[in-house]
PDB file of N, CA and C in Angstrom:
ATOM      1  N   UNK A   1       0.823  -1.190   0.000  1.00  0.00           N
ATOM      2  CA  UNK A   1       0.000   0.000   0.000  1.00  0.00           C
ATOM      3  C   UNK A   1       0.871   1.260   0.000  1.00  0.00           C
ATOM      4  N   UNK A   2       1.924   1.279   0.831  1.00  0.00           N
ATOM      5  CA  UNK A   2       2.878   2.382   0.836  1.00  0.00           C
ATOM      6  C   UNK A   2       4.203   1.887   1.411  1.00  0.00           C
ATOM      7  N   UNK A   3       5.224   2.696   1.266  1.00  0.00           N
ATOM      8  CA  UNK A   3       6.558   2.323   1.732  1.00  0.00           C
ATOM      9  C   UNK A   3       6.667   2.469   3.249  1.00  0.00           C
ATOM     10  N   UNK A   4       7.344   1.520   3.867  1.00  0.00           N
ATOM     11  CA  UNK A   4       7.591   1.567   5.307  1.00  0.00           C
ATOM     12  C   UNK A   4       9.075   1.831   5.535  1.00  0.00           C
ATOM     13  N   UNK A   5       9.378   2.752   6.449  1.00  0.00           N
ATOM     14  CA  UNK A   5      10.762   3.070   6.771  1.00  0.00           C
ATOM     15  C   UNK A   5      11.055   2.681   8.218  1.00  0.00           C
ATOM     16  N   UNK A   6      12.333   2.405   8.467  1.00  0.00           N
ATOM     17  CA  UNK A   6      12.812   2.125   9.827  1.00  0.00           C
ATOM     18  C   UNK A   6      11.963   1.062  10.534  1.00  0.00           C
ATOM     19  N   UNK A   7      11.790  -0.060   9.871  1.00  0.00           N
ATOM     20  CA  UNK A   7      10.996  -1.154  10.424  1.00  0.00           C
ATOM     21  C   UNK A   7      11.836  -1.914  11.456  1.00  0.00           C
ATOM     22  N   UNK A   8      11.268  -2.114  12.638  1.00  0.00           N
ATOM     23  CA  UNK A   8      11.935  -2.894  13.687  1.00  0.00           C
ATOM     24  C   UNK A   8      10.925  -3.926  14.192  1.00  0.00           C
ATOM     25  N   UNK A   9      11.295  -5.200  14.057  1.00  0.00           N
ATOM     26  CA  UNK A   9      10.465  -6.302  14.522  1.00  0.00           C
ATOM     27  C   UNK A   9      11.134  -6.865  15.768  1.00  0.00           C
ATOM     28  N   UNK A  10      10.439  -6.787  16.905  1.00  0.00           N
ATOM     29  CA  UNK A  10      11.000  -7.223  18.191  1.00  0.00           C
ATOM     30  C   UNK A  10      10.393  -8.564  18.587  1.00  0.00           C
ATOM     31  N   UNK A  11      11.265  -9.571  18.708  1.00  0.00           N
ATOM     32  CA  UNK A  11      10.820 -10.932  18.996  1.00  0.00           C
ATOM     33  C   UNK A  11      11.316 -11.333  20.382  1.00  0.00           C
ATOM     34  N   UNK A  12      10.388 -11.610  21.312  1.00  0.00           N
ATOM     35  CA  UNK A  12      10.807 -12.079  22.637  1.00  0.00           C
ATOM     36  C   UNK A  12      11.454 -13.463  22.510  1.00  0.00           C
ATOM     37  N   UNK A  13      12.489 -13.698  23.289  1.00  0.00           N
ATOM     38  CA  UNK A  13      13.180 -14.981  23.278  1.00  0.00           C
ATOM     39  C   UNK A  13      13.209 -15.557  24.689  1.00  0.00           C
ATOM     40  N   UNK A  14      13.455 -16.869  24.797  1.00  0.00           N
ATOM     41  CA  UNK A  14      13.657 -17.416  26.144  1.00  0.00           C
ATOM     42  C   UNK A  14      14.911 -16.790  26.744  1.00  0.00           C
ATOM     43  N   UNK A  15      15.041 -16.832  28.050  1.00  0.00           N
ATOM     44  CA  UNK A  15      16.225 -16.264  28.707  1.00  0.00           C
ATOM     45  C   UNK A  15      17.480 -16.934  28.155  1.00  0.00           C
ATOM     46  N   UNK A  16      18.405 -16.115  27.638  1.00  0.00           N
ATOM     47  CA  UNK A  16      19.633 -16.634  27.023  1.00  0.00           C
ATOM     48  C   UNK A  16      20.849 -15.989  27.669  1.00  0.00           C
ATOM     49  N   UNK A  17      21.937 -16.742  27.744  1.00  0.00           N
ATOM     50  CA  UNK A  17      23.200 -16.171  28.231  1.00  0.00           C
ATOM     51  C   UNK A  17      23.953 -15.484  27.108  1.00  0.00           C
ATOM     52  N   UNK A  18      23.750 -15.959  25.881  1.00  0.00           N
ATOM     53  CA  UNK A  18      24.434 -15.405  24.707  1.00  0.00           C
ATOM     54  C   UNK A  18      23.402 -15.053  23.655  1.00  0.00           C
ATOM     55  N   UNK A  19      23.807 -14.238  22.698  1.00  0.00           N
ATOM     56  CA  UNK A  19      22.930 -13.883  21.584  1.00  0.00           C
ATOM     57  C   UNK A  19      22.570 -15.140  20.800  1.00  0.00           C
ATOM     58  N   UNK A  20      21.379 -15.164  20.195  1.00  0.00           N
ATOM     59  CA  UNK A  20      21.007 -16.324  19.382  1.00  0.00           C
ATOM     60  C   UNK A  20      21.920 -16.435  18.160  1.00  0.00           C
ATOM     61  N   UNK A  21      21.966 -17.594  17.582  1.00  0.00           N
ATOM     62  CA  UNK A  21      22.742 -17.810  16.360  1.00  0.00           C
ATOM     63  C   UNK A  21      21.881 -17.363  15.180  1.00  0.00           C
ATOM     64  N   UNK A  22      22.331 -16.340  14.461  1.00  0.00           N
ATOM     65  CA  UNK A  22      21.600 -15.840  13.299  1.00  0.00           C
ATOM     66  C   UNK A  22      22.160 -16.549  12.068  1.00  0.00           C
ATOM     67  N   UNK A  23      21.320 -17.332  11.404  1.00  0.00           N
ATOM     68  CA  UNK A  23      21.774 -18.113  10.254  1.00  0.00           C
ATOM     69  C   UNK A  23      21.612 -17.348   8.949  1.00  0.00           C
ATOM     70  N   UNK A  24      20.534 -16.573   8.843  1.00  0.00           N
ATOM     71  CA  UNK A  24      20.263 -15.812   7.612  1.00  0.00           C
ATOM     72  C   UNK A  24      19.391 -14.631   7.995  1.00  0.00           C
ATOM     73  N   UNK A  25      19.663 -13.477   7.359  1.00  0.00           N
ATOM     74  CA  UNK A  25      18.845 -12.296   7.660  1.00  0.00           C
ATOM     75  C   UNK A  25      18.874 -11.328   6.492  1.00  0.00           C
ATOM     76  N   UNK A  26      17.722 -10.769   6.200  1.00  0.00           N
ATOM     77  CA  UNK A  26      17.606  -9.634   5.277  1.00  0.00           C
ATOM     78  C   UNK A  26      17.480  -8.405   6.162  1.00  0.00           C
ATOM     79  N   UNK A  27      18.529  -7.641   6.288  1.00  0.00           N
ATOM     80  CA  UNK A  27      18.539  -6.485   7.180  1.00  0.00           C
ATOM     81  C   UNK A  27      19.603  -6.659   8.246  1.00  0.00           C
ATOM     82  N   UNK A  28      19.367  -6.019   9.385  1.00  0.00           N
ATOM     83  CA  UNK A  28      20.313  -6.035  10.507  1.00  0.00           C
ATOM     84  C   UNK A  28      19.624  -6.600  11.740  1.00  0.00           C
ATOM     85  N   UNK A  29      20.409  -6.989  12.726  1.00  0.00           N
ATOM     86  CA  UNK A  29      19.833  -7.491  13.969  1.00  0.00           C
ATOM     87  C   UNK A  29      20.620  -6.994  15.167  1.00  0.00           C
ATOM     88  N   UNK A  30      19.926  -7.010  16.316  1.00  0.00           N
ATOM     89  CA  UNK A  30      20.525  -6.632  17.591  1.00  0.00           C
ATOM     90  C   UNK A  30      19.846  -7.464  18.672  1.00  0.00           C
ATOM     91  N   UNK A  31      20.638  -7.929  19.636  1.00  0.00           N
ATOM     92  CA  UNK A  31      20.086  -8.704  20.742  1.00  0.00           C
ATOM     93  C   UNK A  31      20.107  -7.864  22.011  1.00  0.00           C
ATOM     94  N   UNK A  32      18.942  -7.643  22.590  1.00  0.00           N
ATOM     95  CA  UNK A  32      18.804  -6.936  23.868  1.00  0.00           C
ATOM     96  C   UNK A  32      18.847  -7.996  24.962  1.00  0.00           C
ATOM     97  N   UNK A  33      20.035  -8.230  25.522  1.00  0.00           N
ATOM     98  CA  UNK A  33      20.197  -9.314  26.497  1.00  0.00           C
ATOM     99  C   UNK A  33      19.461  -9.035  27.808  1.00  0.00           C
ATOM    100  N   UNK A  34      19.323  -7.773  28.165  1.00  0.00           N
ATOM    101  CA  UNK A  34      18.633  -7.434  29.417  1.00  0.00           C
ATOM    102  C   UNK A  34      17.171  -7.874  29.376  1.00  0.00           C
ATOM    103  N   UNK A  35      16.502  -7.665  28.229  1.00  0.00           N
ATOM    104  CA  UNK A  35      15.089  -8.026  28.091  1.00  0.00           C
ATOM    105  C   UNK A  35      14.875  -9.294  27.278  1.00  0.00           C
ATOM    106  N   UNK A  36      15.954  -9.914  26.820  1.00  0.00           N
ATOM    107  CA  UNK A  36      15.907 -11.127  26.002  1.00  0.00           C
ATOM    108  C   UNK A  36      15.000 -10.943  24.782  1.00  0.00           C
ATOM    109  N   UNK A  37      15.326  -9.907  24.002  1.00  0.00           N
ATOM    110  CA  UNK A  37      14.551  -9.588  22.799  1.00  0.00           C
ATOM    111  C   UNK A  37      15.507  -9.490  21.609  1.00  0.00           C
ATOM    112  N   UNK A  38      15.122 -10.137  20.513  1.00  0.00           N
ATOM    113  CA  UNK A  38      15.857 -10.048  19.265  1.00  0.00           C
ATOM    114  C   UNK A  38      15.178  -8.985  18.404  1.00  0.00           C
ATOM    115  N   UNK A  39      15.925  -7.956  18.007  1.00  0.00           N
ATOM    116  CA  UNK A  39      15.377  -6.886  17.169  1.00  0.00           C
ATOM    117  C   UNK A  39      15.909  -7.025  15.751  1.00  0.00           C
ATOM    118  N   UNK A  40      14.992  -7.167  14.811  1.00  0.00           N
ATOM    119  CA  UNK A  40      15.301  -7.292  13.389  1.00  0.00           C
ATOM    120  C   UNK A  40      14.963  -5.949  12.748  1.00  0.00           C
ATOM    121  N   UNK A  41      15.942  -5.298  12.132  1.00  0.00           N
ATOM    122  CA  UNK A  41      15.745  -3.967  11.540  1.00  0.00           C
ATOM    123  C   UNK A  41      15.854  -4.023  10.026  1.00  0.00           C
ATOM    124  N   UNK A  42      14.911  -3.389   9.383  1.00  0.00           N
ATOM    125  CA  UNK A  42      14.905  -3.256   7.928  1.00  0.00           C
ATOM    126  C   UNK A  42      14.713  -1.769   7.625  1.00  0.00           C
ATOM    127  N   UNK A  43      15.637  -1.164   6.907  1.00  0.00           N
ATOM    128  CA  UNK A  43      15.605   0.276   6.649  1.00  0.00           C
ATOM    129  C   UNK A  43      14.389   0.666   5.815  1.00  0.00           C
ATOM    130  N   UNK A  44      14.087  -0.109   4.762  1.00  0.00           N
ATOM    131  CA  UNK A  44      13.007   0.260   3.847  1.00  0.00           C
ATOM    132  C   UNK A  44      12.310  -0.974   3.304  1.00  0.00           C
ATOM    133  N   UNK A  45      10.991  -0.972   3.361  1.00  0.00           N
ATOM    134  CA  UNK A  45      10.177  -1.982   2.690  1.00  0.00           C
ATOM    135  C   UNK A  45       9.366  -1.229   1.648  1.00  0.00           C
ATOM    136  N   UNK A  46       9.629  -1.521   0.367  1.00  0.00           N
ATOM    137  CA  UNK A  46       8.933  -0.843  -0.732  1.00  0.00           C
ATOM    138  C   UNK A  46       8.617  -1.849  -1.835  1.00  0.00           C
ATOM    139  N   UNK A  47       8.183  -1.360  -3.010  1.00  0.00           N
ATOM    140  CA  UNK A  47       7.796  -2.253  -4.100  1.00  0.00           C
ATOM    141  C   UNK A  47       8.916  -3.181  -4.536  1.00  0.00           C
ATOM    142  N   UNK A  48      10.168  -2.735  -4.438  1.00  0.00           N
ATOM    143  CA  UNK A  48      11.283  -3.575  -4.863  1.00  0.00           C
ATOM    144  C   UNK A  48      11.751  -4.512  -3.748  1.00  0.00           C
ATOM    145  N   UNK A  49      11.188  -4.363  -2.555  1.00  0.00           N
ATOM    146  CA  UNK A  49      11.648  -5.116  -1.390  1.00  0.00           C
ATOM    147  C   UNK A  49      10.449  -5.397  -0.479  1.00  0.00           C
ATOM    148  N   UNK A  50       9.496  -6.195  -0.941  1.00  0.00           N
ATOM    149  CA  UNK A  50       8.256  -6.432  -0.197  1.00  0.00           C
ATOM    150  C   UNK A  50       8.326  -7.599   0.780  1.00  0.00           C
ATOM    151  N   UNK A  51       9.377  -8.405   0.716  1.00  0.00           N
ATOM    152  CA  UNK A  51       9.459  -9.529   1.639  1.00  0.00           C
ATOM    153  C   UNK A  51      10.896  -9.695   2.122  1.00  0.00           C
ATOM    154  N   UNK A  52      11.039 -10.372   3.215  1.00  0.00           N
ATOM    155  CA  UNK A  52      12.350 -10.637   3.781  1.00  0.00           C
ATOM    156  C   UNK A  52      12.240 -11.793   4.746  1.00  0.00           C
ATOM    157  N   UNK A  53      13.388 -12.286   5.168  1.00  0.00           N
ATOM    158  CA  UNK A  53      13.364 -13.398   6.109  1.00  0.00           C
ATOM    159  C   UNK A  53      14.544 -13.308   7.068  1.00  0.00           C
ATOM    160  N   UNK A  54      14.358 -13.969   8.199  1.00  0.00           N
ATOM    161  CA  UNK A  54      15.410 -14.083   9.195  1.00  0.00           C
ATOM    162  C   UNK A  54      15.316 -15.495   9.772  1.00  0.00           C
ATOM    163  N   UNK A  55      16.450 -16.134   9.889  1.00  0.00           N
ATOM    164  CA  UNK A  55      16.499 -17.459  10.496  1.00  0.00           C
ATOM    165  C   UNK A  55      17.455 -17.401  11.670  1.00  0.00           C
ATOM    166  N   UNK A  56      16.972 -17.812  12.840  1.00  0.00           N
ATOM    167  CA  UNK A  56      17.816 -17.809  14.028  1.00  0.00           C
ATOM    168  C   UNK A  56      17.605 -19.099  14.814  1.00  0.00           C
ATOM    169  N   UNK A  57      18.584 -19.420  15.639  1.00  0.00           N
ATOM    170  CA  UNK A  57      18.540 -20.653  16.421  1.00  0.00           C
ATOM    171  C   UNK A  57      18.695 -20.312  17.902  1.00  0.00           C
ATOM    172  N   UNK A  58      17.794 -20.867  18.720  1.00  0.00           N
ATOM    173  CA  UNK A  58      17.861 -20.745  20.177  1.00  0.00           C
ATOM    174  C   UNK A  58      17.621 -22.140  20.758  1.00  0.00           C
ATOM    175  N   UNK A  59      17.963 -22.354  22.012  1.00  0.00           N
ATOM    176  CA  UNK A  59      17.668 -23.653  22.637  1.00  0.00           C
ATOM    177  C   UNK A  59      16.161 -23.931  22.614  1.00  0.00           C
ATOM    178  N   UNK A  60      15.767 -25.199  22.676  1.00  0.00           N
ATOM    179  CA  UNK A  60      14.332 -25.539  22.657  1.00  0.00           C
ATOM    180  C   UNK A  60      13.553 -24.775  23.722  1.00  0.00           C
ATOM    181  N   UNK A  61      12.370 -24.276  23.316  1.00  0.00           N
ATOM    182  CA  UNK A  61      11.504 -23.524  24.232  1.00  0.00           C
ATOM    183  C   UNK A  61      10.067 -23.645  23.754  1.00  0.00           C
ATOM    184  N   UNK A  62       9.144 -23.394  24.656  1.00  0.00           N
ATOM    185  CA  UNK A  62       7.729 -23.380  24.302  1.00  0.00           C
ATOM    186  C   UNK A  62       7.475 -22.246  23.309  1.00  0.00           C
ATOM    187  N   UNK A  63       6.677 -22.488  22.288  1.00  0.00           N
ATOM    188  CA  UNK A  63       6.446 -21.484  21.239  1.00  0.00           C
ATOM    189  C   UNK A  63       5.811 -20.204  21.770  1.00  0.00           C
ATOM    190  N   UNK A  64       5.109 -20.266  22.901  1.00  0.00           N
ATOM    191  CA  UNK A  64       4.466 -19.062  23.446  1.00  0.00           C
ATOM    192  C   UNK A  64       5.490 -18.022  23.903  1.00  0.00           C
ATOM    193  N   UNK A  65       6.734 -18.454  24.149  1.00  0.00           N
ATOM    194  CA  UNK A  65       7.793 -17.536  24.588  1.00  0.00           C
ATOM    195  C   UNK A  65       8.064 -16.478  23.524  1.00  0.00           C
ATOM    196  N   UNK A  66       7.841 -16.792  22.246  1.00  0.00           N
ATOM    197  CA  UNK A  66       8.200 -15.917  21.135  1.00  0.00           C
ATOM    198  C   UNK A  66       7.128 -14.860  20.818  1.00  0.00           C
ATOM    199  N   UNK A  67       6.091 -14.787  21.629  1.00  0.00           N
ATOM    200  CA  UNK A  67       4.997 -13.846  21.378  1.00  0.00           C
ATOM    201  C   UNK A  67       4.712 -13.038  22.630  1.00  0.00           C
ATOM    202  N   UNK A  68       4.142 -11.839  22.505  1.00  0.00           N
ATOM    203  CA  UNK A  68       3.778 -11.162  21.258  1.00  0.00           C
ATOM    204  C   UNK A  68       4.999 -10.533  20.574  1.00  0.00           C
ATOM    205  N   UNK A  69       4.961 -10.511  19.271  1.00  0.00           N
ATOM    206  CA  UNK A  69       5.985  -9.858  18.465  1.00  0.00           C
ATOM    207  C   UNK A  69       5.532  -8.423  18.241  1.00  0.00           C
ATOM    208  N   UNK A  70       6.403  -7.471  18.512  1.00  0.00           N
ATOM    209  CA  UNK A  70       6.073  -6.053  18.320  1.00  0.00           C
ATOM    210  C   UNK A  70       6.722  -5.544  17.039  1.00  0.00           C
ATOM    211  N   UNK A  71       5.990  -4.687  16.326  1.00  0.00           N
ATOM    212  CA  UNK A  71       6.488  -4.119  15.069  1.00  0.00           C
ATOM    213  C   UNK A  71       6.375  -2.604  15.142  1.00  0.00           C
ATOM    214  N   UNK A  72       7.485  -1.915  14.824  1.00  0.00           N
ATOM    215  CA  UNK A  72       7.496  -0.448  14.755  1.00  0.00           C
ATOM    216  C   UNK A  72       7.922  -0.051  13.357  1.00  0.00           C
ATOM    217  N   UNK A  73       7.334   1.025  12.850  1.00  0.00           N
ATOM    218  CA  UNK A  73       7.743   1.550  11.552  1.00  0.00           C
ATOM    219  C   UNK A  73       7.206   2.959  11.385  1.00  0.00           C
ATOM    220  N   UNK A  74       7.713   3.648  10.389  1.00  0.00           N
ATOM    221  CA  UNK A  74       7.180   4.955  10.003  1.00  0.00           C
ATOM    222  C   UNK A  74       6.891   4.914   8.514  1.00  0.00           C
ATOM    223  N   UNK A  75       6.061   5.845   8.071  1.00  0.00           N
ATOM    224  CA  UNK A  75       5.737   5.971   6.651  1.00  0.00           C
ATOM    225  C   UNK A  75       5.388   7.421   6.366  1.00  0.00           C
ATOM    226  N   UNK A  76       5.608   7.851   5.134  1.00  0.00           N
ATOM    227  CA  UNK A  76       5.285   9.228   4.757  1.00  0.00           C
ATOM    228  C   UNK A  76       3.911   9.328   4.121  1.00  0.00           C
ATOM    229  N   UNK A  77       3.152   8.249   4.134  1.00  0.00           N
ATOM    230  CA  UNK A  77       1.761   8.237   3.676  1.00  0.00           C
ATOM    231  C   UNK A  77       0.909   7.646   4.791  1.00  0.00           C
ATOM    232  N   UNK A  78      -0.386   7.881   4.710  1.00  0.00           N
ATOM    233  CA  UNK A  78      -1.305   7.298   5.678  1.00  0.00           C
ATOM    234  C   UNK A  78      -2.287   6.400   4.946  1.00  0.00           C
ATOM    235  N   UNK A  79      -3.084   5.656   5.699  1.00  0.00           N
ATOM    236  CA  UNK A  79      -4.083   4.789   5.084  1.00  0.00           C
ATOM    237  C   UNK A  79      -5.114   5.591   4.303  1.00  0.00           C
ATOM    238  N   UNK A  80      -5.480   6.760   4.789  1.00  0.00           N
ATOM    239  CA  UNK A  80      -6.529   7.557   4.159  1.00  0.00           C
ATOM    240  C   UNK A  80      -5.999   8.525   3.117  1.00  0.00           C
ATOM    241  N   UNK A  81      -4.696   8.801   3.117  1.00  0.00           N
ATOM    242  CA  UNK A  81      -4.077   9.769   2.212  1.00  0.00           C
ATOM    243  C   UNK A  81      -4.755  11.140   2.339  1.00  0.00           C
ATOM    244  N   UNK A  82      -5.159  11.512   3.549  1.00  0.00           N
ATOM    245  CA  UNK A  82      -5.812  12.787   3.833  1.00  0.00           C
ATOM    246  C   UNK A  82      -4.817  13.929   3.692  1.00  0.00           C
ATOM    247  N   UNK A  83      -5.213  15.017   3.029  1.00  0.00           N
ATOM    248  CA  UNK A  83      -4.345  16.177   2.825  1.00  0.00           C
ATOM    249  C   UNK A  83      -5.108  17.459   3.178  1.00  0.00           C
ATOM    250  N   UNK A  84      -4.393  18.430   3.729  1.00  0.00           N
ATOM    251  CA  UNK A  84      -4.951  19.759   3.967  1.00  0.00           C
ATOM    252  C   UNK A  84      -4.713  20.553   2.688  1.00  0.00           C
ATOM    253  N   UNK A  85      -5.778  21.111   2.112  1.00  0.00           N
ATOM    254  CA  UNK A  85      -5.630  21.855   0.864  1.00  0.00           C
ATOM    255  C   UNK A  85      -5.710  23.362   1.063  1.00  0.00           C
ATOM    256  N   UNK A  86      -6.273  23.799   2.195  1.00  0.00           N
ATOM    257  CA  UNK A  86      -6.440  25.230   2.403  1.00  0.00           C
ATOM    258  C   UNK A  86      -6.687  25.503   3.883  1.00  0.00           C
ATOM    259  N   UNK A  87      -6.338  26.704   4.307  1.00  0.00           N
ATOM    260  CA  UNK A  87      -6.634  27.171   5.662  1.00  0.00           C
ATOM    261  C   UNK A  87      -7.460  28.441   5.528  1.00  0.00           C
ATOM    262  N   UNK A  88      -8.587  28.484   6.239  1.00  0.00           N
ATOM    263  CA  UNK A  88      -9.462  29.657   6.181  1.00  0.00           C
ATOM    264  C   UNK A  88      -9.400  30.369   7.527  1.00  0.00           C
ATOM    265  N   UNK A  89      -8.933  31.625   7.554  1.00  0.00           N
ATOM    266  CA  UNK A  89      -8.861  32.368   8.814  1.00  0.00           C
ATOM    267  C   UNK A  89     -10.261  32.602   9.399  1.00  0.00           C
ATOM    268  N   UNK A  90     -10.379  32.511  10.724  1.00  0.00           N
ATOM    269  CA  UNK A  90     -11.669  32.728  11.382  1.00  0.00           C
ATOM    270  C   UNK A  90     -12.158  34.167  11.247  1.00  0.00           C
ATOM    271  N   UNK A  91     -11.252  35.138  11.189  1.00  0.00           N
ATOM    272  CA  UNK A  91     -11.648  36.548  11.143  1.00  0.00           C
ATOM    273  C   UNK A  91     -11.473  37.154   9.762  1.00  0.00           C
ATOM    274  N   UNK A  92     -11.473  36.339   8.743  1.00  0.00           N
ATOM    275  CA  UNK A  92     -11.349  36.848   7.378  1.00  0.00           C
ATOM    276  C   UNK A  92      -9.902  37.160   7.019  1.00  0.00           C
ATOM    277  N   UNK A  93      -9.727  37.730   5.857  1.00  0.00           N
ATOM    278  CA  UNK A  93      -8.389  38.053   5.387  1.00  0.00           C
ATOM    279  C   UNK A  93      -7.842  36.946   4.510  1.00  0.00           C
ATOM    280  N   UNK A  94      -6.643  37.182   4.067  1.00  0.00           N
ATOM    281  CA  UNK A  94      -6.006  36.221   3.168  1.00  0.00           C
ATOM    282  C   UNK A  94      -5.609  34.962   3.941  1.00  0.00           C
ATOM    283  N   UNK A  95      -5.739  33.819   3.307  1.00  0.00           N
ATOM    284  CA  UNK A  95      -5.307  32.583   3.962  1.00  0.00           C
ATOM    285  C   UNK A  95      -3.792  32.628   4.211  1.00  0.00           C
ATOM    286  N   UNK A  96      -3.367  32.197   5.370  1.00  0.00           N
ATOM    287  CA  UNK A  96      -1.927  32.197   5.649  1.00  0.00           C
ATOM    288  C   UNK A  96      -1.211  31.111   4.845  1.00  0.00           C
ATOM    289  N   UNK A  97       0.083  31.328   4.625  1.00  0.00           N
ATOM    290  CA  UNK A  97       0.879  30.291   3.985  1.00  0.00           C
ATOM    291  C   UNK A  97       1.054  29.155   4.977  1.00  0.00           C
ATOM    292  N   UNK A  98       1.079  27.943   4.486  1.00  0.00           N
ATOM    293  CA  UNK A  98       1.270  26.798   5.364  1.00  0.00           C
ATOM    294  C   UNK A  98       1.994  25.693   4.603  1.00  0.00           C
ATOM    295  N   UNK A  99       2.519  24.784   5.360  1.00  0.00           N
ATOM    296  CA  UNK A  99       3.099  23.579   4.779  1.00  0.00           C
ATOM    297  C   UNK A  99       2.628  22.407   5.619  1.00  0.00           C
ATOM    298  N   UNK A 100       2.745  21.245   5.068  1.00  0.00           N
ATOM    299  CA  UNK A 100       2.346  20.068   5.827  1.00  0.00           C
ATOM    300  C   UNK A 100       3.330  18.937   5.581  1.00  0.00           C
ATOM    301  N   UNK A 101       3.453  18.105   6.576  1.00  0.00           N
ATOM    302  CA  UNK A 101       4.289  16.921   6.473  1.00  0.00           C
ATOM    303  C   UNK A 101       3.472  15.758   7.016  1.00  0.00           C
ATOM    304  N   UNK A 102       3.322  14.735   6.228  1.00  0.00           N
ATOM    305  CA  UNK A 102       2.563  13.561   6.632  1.00  0.00           C
ATOM    306  C   UNK A 102       3.526  12.510   7.156  1.00  0.00           C
ATOM    307  N   UNK A 103       3.203  11.944   8.311  1.00  0.00           N
ATOM    308  CA  UNK A 103       4.060  10.933   8.907  1.00  0.00           C
ATOM    309  C   UNK A 103       3.197   9.952   9.689  1.00  0.00           C
ATOM    310  N   UNK A 104       3.255   8.708   9.307  1.00  0.00           N
ATOM    311  CA  UNK A 104       2.547   7.646  10.019  1.00  0.00           C
ATOM    312  C   UNK A 104       3.556   6.961  10.930  1.00  0.00           C
ATOM    313  N   UNK A 105       3.216   6.858  12.219  1.00  0.00           N
ATOM    314  CA  UNK A 105       4.097   6.233  13.202  1.00  0.00           C
ATOM    315  C   UNK A 105       3.270   5.225  13.993  1.00  0.00           C
ATOM    316  N   UNK A 106       3.800   4.026  14.164  1.00  0.00           N
ATOM    317  CA  UNK A 106       3.076   3.032  14.950  1.00  0.00           C
ATOM    318  C   UNK A 106       3.220   3.329  16.432  1.00  0.00           C
ATOM    319  N   UNK A 107       2.135   3.176  17.146  1.00  0.00           N
ATOM    320  CA  UNK A 107       2.185   3.319  18.599  1.00  0.00           C
ATOM    321  C   UNK A 107       2.228   1.956  19.253  1.00  0.00           C
ATOM    322  N   UNK A 108       1.409   1.036  18.768  1.00  0.00           N
ATOM    323  CA  UNK A 108       1.360  -0.301  19.333  1.00  0.00           C
ATOM    324  C   UNK A 108       0.836  -1.249  18.265  1.00  0.00           C
ATOM    325  N   UNK A 109       1.729  -2.002  17.634  1.00  0.00           N
ATOM    326  CA  UNK A 109       1.360  -2.971  16.606  1.00  0.00           C
ATOM    327  C   UNK A 109       1.990  -4.295  17.020  1.00  0.00           C
ATOM    328  N   UNK A 110       1.146  -5.281  17.340  1.00  0.00           N
ATOM    329  CA  UNK A 110       1.666  -6.554  17.837  1.00  0.00           C
ATOM    330  C   UNK A 110       1.088  -7.719  17.076  1.00  0.00           C
ATOM    331  N   UNK A 111       1.896  -8.764  16.953  1.00  0.00           N
ATOM    332  CA  UNK A 111       1.453 -10.045  16.391  1.00  0.00           C
ATOM    333  C   UNK A 111       1.334 -10.987  17.571  1.00  0.00           C
ATOM    334  N   UNK A 112       0.117 -11.426  17.820  1.00  0.00           N
ATOM    335  CA  UNK A 112      -0.133 -12.294  18.968  1.00  0.00           C
ATOM    336  C   UNK A 112       0.002 -13.698  18.516  1.00  0.00           C
TER     337      UNK A 112
END
């Protein structure tokens, strides 16, 4: 639908002493050992890059440990593509000059 920038997928892991073994990844990764979370970062998801994968290895654990997965991203478009076209002053007169910047930011997006 639109391009996503600065995508970070945070995957909870079982308590580990060392970072997981990353076998394959499209993008970058970081292990937050304090919270036992694997963060997968992808700079841009667009028409030329709509899919990616990451393969990692951890000791055996119950599958529920890996959820919920949190996803953060930004985009310069919104779902509605709403735009401000004009500003009308309340007390009359010429409309003031204005500019706008559209930015979609996730607050809480989780995969349960």
